[in-house]
Amino acid sequence: MHMTPEERQMLRESLELSRKNNEIISKMYRASLWGRGIKILYWVILIGVTVGSFIFLQPYVDTLKDVYGGFSQSQDQVKSFFNL
């Protein structure tokens, strides 16, 4: 079976179009992977900073708890003194 010149030209154009589509789809897939990687990195950094700041600030929070806990305890002692 032989092709006519018009059929051959249409086949070449179709092949060229499919190659361009394949190139575009490959770029879209690559961009999707990069986007997903960036999003994962964003959440890892966000969670890491949150946990890191909690660990860094924990001694200060404990100190404040002790200070205010002692303050409320001394208030209770003063109240009990005046209730005598």
C-alpha atoms as a PDB file:
ATOM      1  CA  MET A   1       0.000   0.000   0.000  1.00  0.00           C
ATOM      2  CA  HIS A   2       1.492   3.296  -1.098  1.00  0.00           C
ATOM      3  CA  MET A   3       0.755   6.713   0.386  1.00  0.00           C
ATOM      4  CA  THR A   4      -0.072   9.732  -1.607  1.00  0.00           C
ATOM      5  CA  PRO A   5       2.080  12.854  -1.080  1.00  0.00           C
ATOM      6  CA  GLU A   6      -0.787  14.511   0.815  1.00  0.00           C
ATOM      7  CA  GLU A   7      -1.073  11.537   3.176  1.00  0.00           C
ATOM      8  CA  ARG A   8       2.678  11.515   3.713  1.00  0.00           C
ATOM      9  CA  GLN A   9       2.621  15.267   4.503  1.00  0.00           C
ATOM     10  CA  MET A  10      -0.276  14.792   6.936  1.00  0.00           C
ATOM     11  CA  LEU A  11       1.606  11.929   8.621  1.00  0.00           C
ATOM     12  CA  ARG A  12       4.736  14.093   9.028  1.00  0.00           C
ATOM     13  CA  GLU A  13       2.690  16.961  10.463  1.00  0.00           C
ATOM     14  CA  SER A  14       0.983  14.576  12.844  1.00  0.00           C
ATOM     15  CA  LEU A  15       4.362  13.181  13.947  1.00  0.00           C
ATOM     16  CA  GLU A  16       5.738  16.698  14.486  1.00  0.00           C
ATOM     17  CA  LEU A  17       2.657  17.691  16.463  1.00  0.00           C
ATOM     18  CA  SER A  18       2.850  14.607  18.666  1.00  0.00           C
ATOM     19  CA  ARG A  19       6.543  15.301  19.401  1.00  0.00           C
ATOM     20  CA  LYS A  20       5.733  18.890  20.415  1.00  0.00           C
ATOM     21  CA  ASN A  21       2.877  17.641  22.620  1.00  0.00           C
ATOM     22  CA  ASN A  22       5.195  15.106  24.224  1.00  0.00           C
ATOM     23  CA  GLU A  23       7.736  17.846  24.956  1.00  0.00           C
ATOM     24  CA  ILE A  24       5.068  20.095  26.508  1.00  0.00           C
ATOM     25  CA  ILE A  25       3.674  17.258  28.615  1.00  0.00           C
ATOM     26  CA  SER A  26       7.174  16.385  29.829  1.00  0.00           C
ATOM     27  CA  LYS A  27       7.757  20.000  30.888  1.00  0.00           C
ATOM     28  CA  MET A  28       4.419  20.093  32.681  1.00  0.00           C
ATOM     29  CA  TYR A  29       5.231  16.864  34.526  1.00  0.00           C
ATOM     30  CA  ARG A  30       8.648  18.198  35.548  1.00  0.00           C
ATOM     31  CA  ALA A  31       7.089  21.449  36.780  1.00  0.00           C
ATOM     32  CA  SER A  32       4.547  19.433  38.754  1.00  0.00           C
ATOM     33  CA  LEU A  33       7.313  17.437  40.440  1.00  0.00           C
ATOM     34  CA  TRP A  34       9.235  20.602  41.312  1.00  0.00           C
ATOM     35  CA  GLY A  35       6.086  22.187  42.699  1.00  0.00           C
ATOM     36  CA  ARG A  36       5.356  19.157  44.836  1.00  0.00           C
ATOM     37  CA  GLY A  37       8.936  19.102  46.116  1.00  0.00           C
ATOM     38  CA  ILE A  38       8.828  22.794  46.991  1.00  0.00           C
ATOM     39  CA  LYS A  39       5.518  22.329  48.813  1.00  0.00           C
ATOM     40  CA  ILE A  40       6.909  19.406  50.844  1.00  0.00           C
ATOM     41  CA  LEU A  41      10.027  21.427  51.667  1.00  0.00           C
ATOM     42  CA  TYR A  42       7.827  24.357  52.761  1.00  0.00           C
ATOM     43  CA  TRP A  43       5.858  22.192  55.205  1.00  0.00           C
ATOM     44  CA  VAL A  44       8.995  20.487  56.545  1.00  0.00           C
ATOM     45  CA  ILE A  45      10.558  23.889  57.240  1.00  0.00           C
ATOM     46  CA  LEU A  46       7.347  25.234  58.778  1.00  0.00           C
ATOM     47  CA  ILE A  47       6.940  22.248  61.103  1.00  0.00           C
ATOM     48  CA  GLY A  48      10.669  22.236  61.903  1.00  0.00           C
ATOM     49  CA  VAL A  49      10.644  25.914  62.854  1.00  0.00           C
ATOM     50  CA  THR A  50       7.566  25.384  65.013  1.00  0.00           C
ATOM     51  CA  VAL A  51       9.042  22.417  66.869  1.00  0.00           C
ATOM     52  CA  GLY A  52      12.455  24.079  67.107  1.00  0.00           C
ATOM     53  CA  SER A  53      11.016  27.271  68.554  1.00  0.00           C
ATOM     54  CA  PHE A  54       8.996  25.274  71.075  1.00  0.00           C
ATOM     55  CA  ILE A  55      12.123  23.400  72.166  1.00  0.00           C
ATOM     56  CA  PHE A  56      14.124  26.656  72.289  1.00  0.00           C
ATOM     57  CA  LEU A  57      11.493  28.549  74.276  1.00  0.00           C
ATOM     58  CA  GLN A  58      10.565  25.697  76.650  1.00  0.00           C
ATOM     59  CA  PRO A  59      13.077  26.671  79.408  1.00  0.00           C
ATOM     60  CA  TYR A  60      11.789  30.258  79.366  1.00  0.00           C
ATOM     61  CA  VAL A  61       8.187  29.083  79.534  1.00  0.00           C
ATOM     62  CA  ASP A  62       9.050  26.813  82.461  1.00  0.00           C
ATOM     63  CA  THR A  63      10.755  29.724  84.225  1.00  0.00           C
ATOM     64  CA  LEU A  64       7.698  31.922  83.724  1.00  0.00           C
ATOM     65  CA  LYS A  65       5.483  29.145  85.039  1.00  0.00           C
ATOM     66  CA  ASP A  66       7.662  28.872  88.136  1.00  0.00           C
ATOM     67  CA  VAL A  67       7.629  32.652  88.670  1.00  0.00           C
ATOM     68  CA  TYR A  68       3.882  33.021  88.255  1.00  0.00           C
ATOM     69  CA  GLY A  69       3.207  29.734  90.011  1.00  0.00           C
ATOM     70  CA  GLY A  70       5.218  31.018  92.979  1.00  0.00           C
ATOM     71  CA  PHE A  71       3.362  34.334  92.767  1.00  0.00           C
ATOM     72  CA  SER A  72      -0.040  32.671  92.973  1.00  0.00           C
ATOM     73  CA  GLN A  73       1.233  30.460  95.766  1.00  0.00           C
ATOM     74  CA  SER A  74       2.370  33.523  97.754  1.00  0.00           C
ATOM     75  CA  GLN A  75      -1.045  35.137  97.134  1.00  0.00           C
ATOM     76  CA  ASP A  76      -2.681  32.056  98.631  1.00  0.00           C
ATOM     77  CA  GLN A  77      -0.404  32.326 101.662  1.00  0.00           C
ATOM     78  CA  VAL A  78      -1.280  36.006 102.131  1.00  0.00           C
ATOM     79  CA  LYS A  79      -5.001  35.221 101.883  1.00  0.00           C
ATOM     80  CA  SER A  80      -4.710  32.404 104.399  1.00  0.00           C
ATOM     81  CA  PHE A  81      -2.795  34.734 106.728  1.00  0.00           C
ATOM     82  CA  PHE A  82      -5.560  37.328 106.668  1.00  0.00           C
ATOM     83  CA  ASN A  83      -8.221  34.660 107.088  1.00  0.00           C
ATOM     84  CA  LEU A  84      -6.764  33.682 110.448  1.00  0.00           C
END
